[in-house]
Amino acid sequence: MNNEKRIKLSKLMCYILRHAPEEFSIKPDKTGFVEMYALLSAVRKVYPWVTEKDMRIVAESDEKDRYEIKGNKIRARYGHSYNVILDHKEDRDSKILYHGTAYKNLEGILKEGIKPMKRQFVHLTINKEDAHRTALRHDKKVVILSIDADCLRRKGHRIYRAGRVVRLVKYVPPDCIKHP
């Protein structure tokens, strides 16, 4: 599978698992897992060339660690726009986390904090590079915000590990944001 096909497959898998399982007649369990064969069947409606091995390669080699495979089931680790019960472990160690966003959002964020918008959680990262890469998907003029993880914890906000670099939290209050 060439890189172009790998990217297309990954985007479709993300779309189905994070946002539209019902659009493809897939019923995830309460934690977001779906049967691999069901996802394969859905994906093949768009890309008939895909094999289960292709999906496993995409999931296991994903640089953002977006996918989780358990036996013959697969799910997106984060980014859901529908209600999923995620069972990620809590991050009790991080001190500073990062959030990349379009510069045009900065004023509102500094007033209201960072909200999950159409997702279940706010996505944070453990490094500036990943936050910057994510922000660039939305705009060319971006800002990287530093988030005080201990401030979040003191205010009762749990931080979850959703992969190697992604952390999730329900909300980031303005006073836990360190202005760039």
N, C-alpha and C. Protein backbone atom coordinates (compact mmCIF):
# COMPACT_ATOMS: atom_id res chain seq x y z
N MET A 1 0.86 -1.18 0.00
CA MET A 1 0.00 0.00 0.00
C MET A 1 0.91 1.24 0.00
N ASN A 2 0.70 2.12 -0.97
CA ASN A 2 1.52 3.32 -1.03
C ASN A 2 1.03 4.35 -0.01
N ASN A 3 1.80 5.42 0.17
CA ASN A 3 1.51 6.42 1.19
C ASN A 3 0.18 7.12 0.94
N GLU A 4 -0.14 7.42 -0.31
CA GLU A 4 -1.39 8.08 -0.63
C GLU A 4 -2.59 7.22 -0.23
N LYS A 5 -2.52 5.93 -0.52
CA LYS A 5 -3.61 5.03 -0.13
C LYS A 5 -3.70 4.89 1.38
N ARG A 6 -2.55 4.84 2.04
CA ARG A 6 -2.52 4.72 3.49
C ARG A 6 -3.21 5.92 4.14
N ILE A 7 -2.92 7.12 3.65
CA ILE A 7 -3.53 8.34 4.19
C ILE A 7 -5.04 8.34 3.97
N LYS A 8 -5.47 7.99 2.76
CA LYS A 8 -6.91 7.94 2.46
C LYS A 8 -7.62 6.93 3.36
N LEU A 9 -7.01 5.78 3.53
CA LEU A 9 -7.60 4.75 4.38
C LEU A 9 -7.69 5.22 5.83
N SER A 10 -6.63 5.84 6.32
CA SER A 10 -6.63 6.32 7.70
C SER A 10 -7.72 7.37 7.92
N LYS A 11 -7.87 8.29 6.98
CA LYS A 11 -8.91 9.32 7.11
C LYS A 11 -10.30 8.72 7.14
N LEU A 12 -10.53 7.73 6.29
CA LEU A 12 -11.84 7.08 6.27
C LEU A 12 -12.09 6.31 7.56
N MET A 13 -11.09 5.57 8.03
CA MET A 13 -11.23 4.83 9.29
C MET A 13 -11.55 5.79 10.43
N CYS A 14 -10.83 6.91 10.49
CA CYS A 14 -11.09 7.92 11.53
C CYS A 14 -12.51 8.44 11.44
N TYR A 15 -12.92 8.78 10.25
CA TYR A 15 -14.27 9.33 10.07
C TYR A 15 -15.32 8.34 10.56
N ILE A 16 -15.19 7.11 10.15
CA ILE A 16 -16.18 6.10 10.55
C ILE A 16 -16.16 5.88 12.05
N LEU A 17 -14.98 5.65 12.62
CA LEU A 17 -14.87 5.30 14.04
C LEU A 17 -15.16 6.48 14.97
N ARG A 18 -14.82 7.69 14.55
CA ARG A 18 -15.00 8.85 15.42
C ARG A 18 -16.36 9.54 15.26
N HIS A 19 -16.90 9.51 14.04
CA HIS A 19 -18.05 10.37 13.79
C HIS A 19 -19.27 9.71 13.18
N ALA A 20 -19.09 8.66 12.39
CA ALA A 20 -20.23 8.20 11.60
C ALA A 20 -20.38 6.70 11.48
N PRO A 21 -20.30 5.96 12.58
CA PRO A 21 -20.48 4.52 12.43
C PRO A 21 -21.87 4.17 11.89
N GLU A 22 -22.90 4.90 12.32
CA GLU A 22 -24.26 4.61 11.89
C GLU A 22 -24.45 4.86 10.39
N GLU A 23 -23.71 5.80 9.85
CA GLU A 23 -23.77 6.09 8.42
C GLU A 23 -23.34 4.87 7.59
N PHE A 24 -22.52 4.02 8.21
CA PHE A 24 -22.01 2.81 7.55
C PHE A 24 -22.62 1.55 8.14
N SER A 25 -23.72 1.71 8.88
CA SER A 25 -24.45 0.59 9.50
C SER A 25 -23.58 -0.21 10.47
N ILE A 26 -22.74 0.49 11.21
CA ILE A 26 -21.89 -0.14 12.21
C ILE A 26 -22.40 0.28 13.59
N LYS A 27 -22.45 -0.66 14.50
CA LYS A 27 -22.89 -0.38 15.86
C LYS A 27 -21.72 -0.61 16.83
N PRO A 28 -21.06 0.48 17.25
CA PRO A 28 -19.98 0.32 18.22
C PRO A 28 -20.53 -0.05 19.59
N ASP A 29 -19.69 -0.71 20.40
CA ASP A 29 -20.11 -0.95 21.78
C ASP A 29 -19.96 0.36 22.55
N LYS A 30 -20.27 0.35 23.83
CA LYS A 30 -20.28 1.59 24.61
C LYS A 30 -18.90 2.24 24.73
N THR A 31 -17.83 1.46 24.49
CA THR A 31 -16.47 2.01 24.55
C THR A 31 -15.92 2.35 23.18
N GLY A 32 -16.75 2.26 22.15
CA GLY A 32 -16.34 2.66 20.81
C GLY A 32 -15.74 1.56 19.95
N PHE A 33 -15.59 0.37 20.50
CA PHE A 33 -15.02 -0.73 19.71
C PHE A 33 -16.05 -1.27 18.73
N VAL A 34 -15.56 -1.63 17.53
CA VAL A 34 -16.38 -2.29 16.52
C VAL A 34 -15.64 -3.54 16.05
N GLU A 35 -16.40 -4.47 15.53
CA GLU A 35 -15.78 -5.68 14.97
C GLU A 35 -14.95 -5.28 13.76
N MET A 36 -13.76 -5.84 13.65
CA MET A 36 -12.86 -5.53 12.53
C MET A 36 -13.54 -5.82 11.19
N TYR A 37 -14.26 -6.95 11.10
CA TYR A 37 -14.89 -7.31 9.83
C TYR A 37 -15.97 -6.29 9.45
N ALA A 38 -16.66 -5.72 10.45
CA ALA A 38 -17.69 -4.72 10.17
C ALA A 38 -17.06 -3.45 9.61
N LEU A 39 -15.94 -3.04 10.21
CA LEU A 39 -15.24 -1.86 9.70
C LEU A 39 -14.69 -2.14 8.30
N LEU A 40 -14.14 -3.33 8.10
CA LEU A 40 -13.61 -3.70 6.78
C LEU A 40 -14.72 -3.65 5.73
N SER A 41 -15.87 -4.17 6.05
CA SER A 41 -17.00 -4.16 5.13
C SER A 41 -17.40 -2.73 4.78
N ALA A 42 -17.43 -1.86 5.78
CA ALA A 42 -17.78 -0.45 5.56
C ALA A 42 -16.73 0.25 4.70
N VAL A 43 -15.47 0.03 5.02
CA VAL A 43 -14.39 0.67 4.28
C VAL A 43 -14.38 0.22 2.82
N ARG A 44 -14.66 -1.04 2.59
CA ARG A 44 -14.65 -1.58 1.21
C ARG A 44 -15.75 -0.98 0.33
N LYS A 45 -16.77 -0.40 0.94
CA LYS A 45 -17.80 0.29 0.15
C LYS A 45 -17.21 1.51 -0.55
N VAL A 46 -16.17 2.07 0.04
CA VAL A 46 -15.50 3.25 -0.53
C VAL A 46 -14.22 2.85 -1.25
N TYR A 47 -13.44 1.97 -0.63
CA TYR A 47 -12.16 1.51 -1.18
C TYR A 47 -12.17 -0.01 -1.25
N PRO A 48 -12.64 -0.58 -2.36
CA PRO A 48 -12.77 -2.04 -2.48
C PRO A 48 -11.44 -2.81 -2.37
N TRP A 49 -10.34 -2.14 -2.54
CA TRP A 49 -9.02 -2.77 -2.52
C TRP A 49 -8.50 -3.07 -1.11
N VAL A 50 -9.14 -2.54 -0.07
CA VAL A 50 -8.62 -2.64 1.30
C VAL A 50 -8.77 -4.06 1.84
N THR A 51 -7.74 -4.49 2.58
CA THR A 51 -7.76 -5.77 3.29
C THR A 51 -7.71 -5.50 4.79
N GLU A 52 -8.01 -6.51 5.57
CA GLU A 52 -7.88 -6.36 7.03
C GLU A 52 -6.44 -6.05 7.39
N LYS A 53 -5.51 -6.66 6.69
CA LYS A 53 -4.08 -6.40 6.95
C LYS A 53 -3.77 -4.92 6.72
N ASP A 54 -4.33 -4.32 5.67
CA ASP A 54 -4.12 -2.89 5.41
C ASP A 54 -4.61 -2.06 6.59
N MET A 55 -5.79 -2.39 7.11
CA MET A 55 -6.34 -1.63 8.24
C MET A 55 -5.46 -1.80 9.48
N ARG A 56 -4.98 -2.99 9.70
CA ARG A 56 -4.11 -3.23 10.86
C ARG A 56 -2.80 -2.46 10.72
N ILE A 57 -2.25 -2.42 9.52
CA ILE A 57 -1.02 -1.66 9.29
C ILE A 57 -1.24 -0.19 9.59
N VAL A 58 -2.34 0.36 9.08
CA VAL A 58 -2.67 1.77 9.35
C VAL A 58 -2.80 2.01 10.85
N ALA A 59 -3.54 1.15 11.52
CA ALA A 59 -3.78 1.34 12.96
C ALA A 59 -2.50 1.20 13.77
N GLU A 60 -1.70 0.21 13.47
CA GLU A 60 -0.51 -0.07 14.27
C GLU A 60 0.65 0.89 13.98
N SER A 61 0.64 1.54 12.83
CA SER A 61 1.74 2.43 12.49
C SER A 61 1.36 3.91 12.57
N ASP A 62 0.17 4.20 13.05
CA ASP A 62 -0.30 5.58 13.10
C ASP A 62 0.56 6.42 14.04
N GLU A 63 1.12 7.51 13.53
CA GLU A 63 2.02 8.33 14.33
C GLU A 63 1.35 9.01 15.51
N LYS A 64 0.07 9.24 15.44
CA LYS A 64 -0.65 9.86 16.56
C LYS A 64 -1.31 8.82 17.47
N ASP A 65 -1.10 7.56 17.16
CA ASP A 65 -1.64 6.49 18.00
C ASP A 65 -3.15 6.62 18.14
N ARG A 66 -3.83 6.89 17.01
CA ARG A 66 -5.27 7.15 17.00
C ARG A 66 -6.12 5.91 17.25
N TYR A 67 -5.57 4.74 16.96
CA TYR A 67 -6.37 3.51 16.98
C TYR A 67 -5.93 2.55 18.06
N GLU A 68 -6.86 1.74 18.48
CA GLU A 68 -6.57 0.68 19.44
C GLU A 68 -7.23 -0.60 18.94
N ILE A 69 -6.45 -1.66 18.89
CA ILE A 69 -6.96 -2.96 18.47
C ILE A 69 -6.88 -3.91 19.66
N LYS A 70 -7.99 -4.60 19.91
CA LYS A 70 -8.04 -5.65 20.93
C LYS A 70 -8.68 -6.86 20.28
N GLY A 71 -7.88 -7.88 20.04
CA GLY A 71 -8.40 -9.07 19.38
C GLY A 71 -8.90 -8.74 18.00
N ASN A 72 -10.17 -8.99 17.75
CA ASN A 72 -10.78 -8.70 16.45
C ASN A 72 -11.64 -7.44 16.48
N LYS A 73 -11.33 -6.55 17.42
CA LYS A 73 -12.07 -5.30 17.52
C LYS A 73 -11.11 -4.12 17.41
N ILE A 74 -11.65 -3.01 16.93
CA ILE A 74 -10.86 -1.79 16.75
C ILE A 74 -11.69 -0.59 17.17
N ARG A 75 -11.01 0.46 17.65
CA ARG A 75 -11.69 1.71 17.96
C ARG A 75 -10.71 2.87 17.76
N ALA A 76 -11.28 4.06 17.68
CA ALA A 76 -10.48 5.28 17.75
C ALA A 76 -10.25 5.55 19.24
N ARG A 77 -9.05 5.93 19.60
CA ARG A 77 -8.73 6.19 21.01
C ARG A 77 -9.34 7.51 21.50
N TYR A 78 -9.55 8.46 20.58
CA TYR A 78 -10.03 9.79 20.96
C TYR A 78 -10.64 10.47 19.73
N GLY A 79 -11.31 11.58 19.97
CA GLY A 79 -11.83 12.40 18.88
C GLY A 79 -13.28 12.14 18.53
N HIS A 80 -13.99 11.40 19.34
CA HIS A 80 -15.37 11.05 19.02
C HIS A 80 -16.31 12.25 19.13
N SER A 81 -17.24 12.32 18.18
CA SER A 81 -18.27 13.35 18.26
C SER A 81 -19.59 12.74 18.76
N TYR A 82 -19.61 11.44 18.98
CA TYR A 82 -20.78 10.79 19.59
C TYR A 82 -20.34 10.24 20.94
N ASN A 83 -21.29 9.92 21.79
CA ASN A 83 -20.99 9.54 23.17
C ASN A 83 -20.34 8.16 23.25
N VAL A 84 -19.15 8.14 23.79
CA VAL A 84 -18.38 6.91 23.99
C VAL A 84 -17.80 6.95 25.40
N ILE A 85 -17.81 5.81 26.06
CA ILE A 85 -17.19 5.72 27.38
C ILE A 85 -15.74 5.27 27.17
N LEU A 86 -14.81 6.19 27.38
CA LEU A 86 -13.41 5.85 27.21
C LEU A 86 -12.82 5.41 28.53
N ASP A 87 -12.00 4.39 28.46
CA ASP A 87 -11.44 3.81 29.68
C ASP A 87 -9.93 4.03 29.76
N HIS A 88 -9.48 5.21 29.35
CA HIS A 88 -8.05 5.51 29.36
C HIS A 88 -7.56 5.73 30.79
N LYS A 89 -6.30 5.44 30.98
CA LYS A 89 -5.68 5.67 32.28
C LYS A 89 -5.46 7.17 32.49
N GLU A 90 -5.51 7.54 33.75
CA GLU A 90 -5.31 8.95 34.09
C GLU A 90 -3.82 9.30 34.01
N ASP A 91 -3.54 10.49 33.52
CA ASP A 91 -2.17 11.02 33.48
C ASP A 91 -1.98 11.83 34.75
N ARG A 92 -1.15 11.34 35.63
CA ARG A 92 -0.89 12.04 36.89
C ARG A 92 0.50 12.67 36.93
N ASP A 93 1.24 12.55 35.82
CA ASP A 93 2.64 12.97 35.81
C ASP A 93 2.94 14.24 35.01
N SER A 94 2.23 14.47 33.92
CA SER A 94 2.54 15.62 33.07
C SER A 94 2.44 16.91 33.86
N LYS A 95 3.34 17.82 33.59
CA LYS A 95 3.33 19.13 34.25
C LYS A 95 2.82 20.21 33.30
N ILE A 96 3.31 20.17 32.04
CA ILE A 96 2.89 21.13 31.02
C ILE A 96 2.37 20.35 29.82
N LEU A 97 1.22 20.75 29.32
CA LEU A 97 0.64 20.17 28.11
C LEU A 97 0.45 21.31 27.12
N TYR A 98 0.18 20.98 25.87
CA TYR A 98 0.08 22.00 24.83
C TYR A 98 -1.19 21.83 24.01
N HIS A 99 -1.68 22.97 23.53
CA HIS A 99 -2.86 22.98 22.67
C HIS A 99 -2.59 23.96 21.55
N GLY A 100 -2.69 23.48 20.32
CA GLY A 100 -2.52 24.35 19.16
C GLY A 100 -3.87 24.75 18.62
N THR A 101 -3.98 26.02 18.24
CA THR A 101 -5.25 26.52 17.71
C THR A 101 -4.98 27.66 16.73
N ALA A 102 -5.99 28.01 15.97
CA ALA A 102 -5.89 29.16 15.09
C ALA A 102 -5.79 30.43 15.93
N TYR A 103 -4.96 31.35 15.51
CA TYR A 103 -4.76 32.60 16.25
C TYR A 103 -6.08 33.34 16.46
N LYS A 104 -6.98 33.26 15.49
CA LYS A 104 -8.27 33.95 15.59
C LYS A 104 -9.11 33.46 16.78
N ASN A 105 -8.79 32.28 17.32
CA ASN A 105 -9.53 31.74 18.47
C ASN A 105 -8.98 32.18 19.82
N LEU A 106 -7.79 32.81 19.81
CA LEU A 106 -7.08 33.10 21.05
C LEU A 106 -7.89 33.96 22.02
N GLU A 107 -8.47 35.04 21.56
CA GLU A 107 -9.20 35.95 22.46
C GLU A 107 -10.32 35.21 23.19
N GLY A 108 -11.11 34.43 22.46
CA GLY A 108 -12.21 33.69 23.07
C GLY A 108 -11.71 32.64 24.05
N ILE A 109 -10.62 31.97 23.70
CA ILE A 109 -10.06 30.94 24.58
C ILE A 109 -9.57 31.56 25.88
N LEU A 110 -8.90 32.71 25.80
CA LEU A 110 -8.38 33.34 27.00
C LEU A 110 -9.51 33.83 27.92
N LYS A 111 -10.70 34.08 27.36
CA LYS A 111 -11.85 34.49 28.16
C LYS A 111 -12.63 33.29 28.70
N GLU A 112 -12.86 32.29 27.83
CA GLU A 112 -13.77 31.20 28.16
C GLU A 112 -13.11 29.86 28.42
N GLY A 113 -11.82 29.76 28.17
CA GLY A 113 -11.13 28.48 28.30
C GLY A 113 -11.22 27.68 27.01
N ILE A 114 -10.71 26.47 27.07
CA ILE A 114 -10.75 25.59 25.90
C ILE A 114 -11.84 24.56 26.11
N LYS A 115 -12.79 24.55 25.18
CA LYS A 115 -13.94 23.66 25.25
C LYS A 115 -13.79 22.55 24.20
N PRO A 116 -14.45 21.43 24.41
CA PRO A 116 -14.32 20.33 23.44
C PRO A 116 -15.05 20.57 22.12
N MET A 117 -15.85 21.62 22.06
CA MET A 117 -16.62 21.95 20.86
C MET A 117 -17.52 20.77 20.47
N LYS A 118 -17.34 20.18 19.30
CA LYS A 118 -18.21 19.09 18.85
C LYS A 118 -17.69 17.72 19.27
N ARG A 119 -16.64 17.68 20.05
CA ARG A 119 -16.06 16.42 20.50
C ARG A 119 -16.38 16.22 21.98
N GLN A 120 -16.01 15.05 22.48
CA GLN A 120 -16.26 14.77 23.90
C GLN A 120 -15.21 15.41 24.80
N PHE A 121 -13.99 15.56 24.30
CA PHE A 121 -12.88 16.04 25.11
C PHE A 121 -12.07 17.09 24.36
N VAL A 122 -11.35 17.90 25.12
CA VAL A 122 -10.32 18.78 24.58
C VAL A 122 -9.08 17.92 24.36
N HIS A 123 -8.45 18.10 23.22
CA HIS A 123 -7.23 17.35 22.91
C HIS A 123 -6.02 18.21 23.23
N LEU A 124 -5.13 17.67 24.03
CA LEU A 124 -3.87 18.32 24.38
C LEU A 124 -2.75 17.38 23.97
N THR A 125 -1.53 17.90 23.89
CA THR A 125 -0.39 17.04 23.57
C THR A 125 0.72 17.26 24.58
N ILE A 126 1.67 16.34 24.57
CA ILE A 126 2.78 16.44 25.50
C ILE A 126 3.94 17.24 24.93
N ASN A 127 3.83 17.67 23.65
CA ASN A 127 4.91 18.46 23.07
C ASN A 127 4.37 19.52 22.11
N LYS A 128 5.16 20.57 21.95
CA LYS A 128 4.76 21.70 21.11
C LYS A 128 4.65 21.32 19.64
N GLU A 129 5.51 20.43 19.18
CA GLU A 129 5.53 20.06 17.77
C GLU A 129 4.20 19.44 17.32
N ASP A 130 3.67 18.54 18.11
CA ASP A 130 2.39 17.91 17.77
C ASP A 130 1.25 18.93 17.84
N ALA A 131 1.30 19.81 18.82
CA ALA A 131 0.28 20.85 18.93
C ALA A 131 0.33 21.77 17.71
N HIS A 132 1.52 22.10 17.27
CA HIS A 132 1.69 22.96 16.09
C HIS A 132 1.16 22.27 14.84
N ARG A 133 1.51 21.01 14.66
CA ARG A 133 1.05 20.24 13.50
C ARG A 133 -0.48 20.17 13.46
N THR A 134 -1.09 19.95 14.61
CA THR A 134 -2.55 19.88 14.69
C THR A 134 -3.17 21.23 14.35
N ALA A 135 -2.62 22.30 14.89
CA ALA A 135 -3.16 23.63 14.65
C ALA A 135 -3.10 24.01 13.17
N LEU A 136 -2.06 23.61 12.50
CA LEU A 136 -1.90 23.95 11.08
C LEU A 136 -2.97 23.31 10.20
N ARG A 137 -3.64 22.30 10.69
CA ARG A 137 -4.72 21.69 9.92
C ARG A 137 -5.92 22.63 9.82
N HIS A 138 -5.97 23.63 10.71
CA HIS A 138 -7.13 24.51 10.78
C HIS A 138 -6.87 25.91 10.23
N ASP A 139 -5.61 26.34 10.25
CA ASP A 139 -5.28 27.69 9.80
C ASP A 139 -3.76 27.80 9.65
N LYS A 140 -3.33 28.82 8.94
CA LYS A 140 -1.88 29.03 8.77
C LYS A 140 -1.32 29.89 9.89
N LYS A 141 -2.16 30.76 10.44
CA LYS A 141 -1.74 31.63 11.54
C LYS A 141 -2.18 30.97 12.84
N VAL A 142 -1.23 30.36 13.55
CA VAL A 142 -1.57 29.56 14.73
C VAL A 142 -0.85 30.06 15.98
N VAL A 143 -1.35 29.58 17.10
CA VAL A 143 -0.73 29.85 18.39
C VAL A 143 -0.70 28.54 19.17
N ILE A 144 0.39 28.35 19.91
CA ILE A 144 0.52 27.16 20.75
C ILE A 144 0.40 27.61 22.20
N LEU A 145 -0.59 27.07 22.89
CA LEU A 145 -0.83 27.43 24.29
C LEU A 145 -0.23 26.39 25.21
N SER A 146 0.38 26.85 26.28
CA SER A 146 0.89 25.95 27.32
C SER A 146 -0.18 25.81 28.38
N ILE A 147 -0.42 24.59 28.79
CA ILE A 147 -1.47 24.30 29.78
C ILE A 147 -0.82 23.76 31.04
N ASP A 148 -1.14 24.37 32.16
CA ASP A 148 -0.61 23.94 33.45
C ASP A 148 -1.43 22.73 33.93
N ALA A 149 -0.84 21.55 33.79
CA ALA A 149 -1.55 20.31 34.14
C ALA A 149 -1.88 20.23 35.63
N ASP A 150 -0.99 20.72 36.47
CA ASP A 150 -1.27 20.70 37.91
C ASP A 150 -2.45 21.62 38.25
N CYS A 151 -2.57 22.73 37.54
CA CYS A 151 -3.71 23.63 37.73
C CYS A 151 -5.01 22.89 37.39
N LEU A 152 -5.00 22.13 36.29
CA LEU A 152 -6.18 21.35 35.92
C LEU A 152 -6.56 20.38 37.04
N ARG A 153 -5.55 19.68 37.54
CA ARG A 153 -5.81 18.70 38.60
C ARG A 153 -6.34 19.37 39.87
N ARG A 154 -5.75 20.50 40.25
CA ARG A 154 -6.21 21.22 41.45
C ARG A 154 -7.67 21.63 41.32
N LYS A 155 -8.11 21.90 40.11
CA LYS A 155 -9.49 22.32 39.87
C LYS A 155 -10.42 21.13 39.63
N GLY A 156 -9.89 19.91 39.79
CA GLY A 156 -10.72 18.72 39.69
C GLY A 156 -10.89 18.15 38.30
N HIS A 157 -10.09 18.62 37.34
CA HIS A 157 -10.17 18.13 35.97
C HIS A 157 -9.20 16.96 35.77
N ARG A 158 -9.73 15.83 35.41
CA ARG A 158 -8.90 14.66 35.17
C ARG A 158 -8.31 14.72 33.77
N ILE A 159 -7.06 14.31 33.67
CA ILE A 159 -6.34 14.26 32.39
C ILE A 159 -6.14 12.79 32.06
N TYR A 160 -6.49 12.42 30.84
CA TYR A 160 -6.38 11.01 30.43
C TYR A 160 -5.36 10.84 29.31
N ARG A 161 -4.64 9.72 29.37
CA ARG A 161 -3.69 9.35 28.31
C ARG A 161 -4.48 8.66 27.20
N ALA A 162 -4.45 9.24 26.00
CA ALA A 162 -5.18 8.65 24.89
C ALA A 162 -4.23 8.14 23.81
N GLY A 163 -3.02 7.87 24.18
CA GLY A 163 -2.02 7.43 23.23
C GLY A 163 -0.66 7.94 23.69
N ARG A 164 0.31 7.83 22.80
CA ARG A 164 1.67 8.24 23.17
C ARG A 164 1.78 9.72 23.47
N VAL A 165 1.14 10.58 22.69
CA VAL A 165 1.32 12.02 22.86
C VAL A 165 0.04 12.78 23.18
N VAL A 166 -1.11 12.19 22.97
CA VAL A 166 -2.39 12.89 23.16
C VAL A 166 -2.91 12.70 24.57
N ARG A 167 -3.36 13.80 25.15
CA ARG A 167 -4.02 13.78 26.45
C ARG A 167 -5.40 14.40 26.28
N LEU A 168 -6.34 13.93 27.07
CA LEU A 168 -7.72 14.40 26.99
C LEU A 168 -8.15 14.99 28.32
N VAL A 169 -8.96 16.03 28.25
CA VAL A 169 -9.56 16.64 29.43
C VAL A 169 -10.91 17.21 28.98
N LYS A 170 -11.87 17.24 29.87
CA LYS A 170 -13.21 17.73 29.51
C LYS A 170 -13.22 19.23 29.21
N TYR A 171 -12.35 20.00 29.89
CA TYR A 171 -12.37 21.45 29.75
C TYR A 171 -11.07 22.00 30.32
N VAL A 172 -10.60 23.09 29.74
CA VAL A 172 -9.42 23.79 30.27
C VAL A 172 -9.84 25.20 30.65
N PRO A 173 -9.89 25.50 31.96
CA PRO A 173 -10.27 26.85 32.40
C PRO A 173 -9.21 27.87 31.99
N PRO A 174 -9.61 29.13 31.77
CA PRO A 174 -8.67 30.16 31.33
C PRO A 174 -7.46 30.32 32.25
N ASP A 175 -7.66 30.17 33.55
CA ASP A 175 -6.53 30.40 34.46
C ASP A 175 -5.52 29.25 34.48
N CYS A 176 -5.78 28.17 33.75
CA CYS A 176 -4.78 27.10 33.60
C CYS A 176 -4.00 27.23 32.29
N ILE A 177 -4.32 28.27 31.53
CA ILE A 177 -3.64 28.51 30.26
C ILE A 177 -2.55 29.53 30.48
N LYS A 178 -1.35 29.17 30.08
CA LYS A 178 -0.23 30.11 30.13
C LYS A 178 -0.17 30.80 28.78
N HIS A 179 -0.35 32.11 28.78
CA HIS A 179 -0.35 32.86 27.53
C HIS A 179 1.03 32.77 26.88
N PRO A 180 1.02 32.58 25.55
CA PRO A 180 2.32 32.43 24.86
C PRO A 180 3.21 33.67 24.98
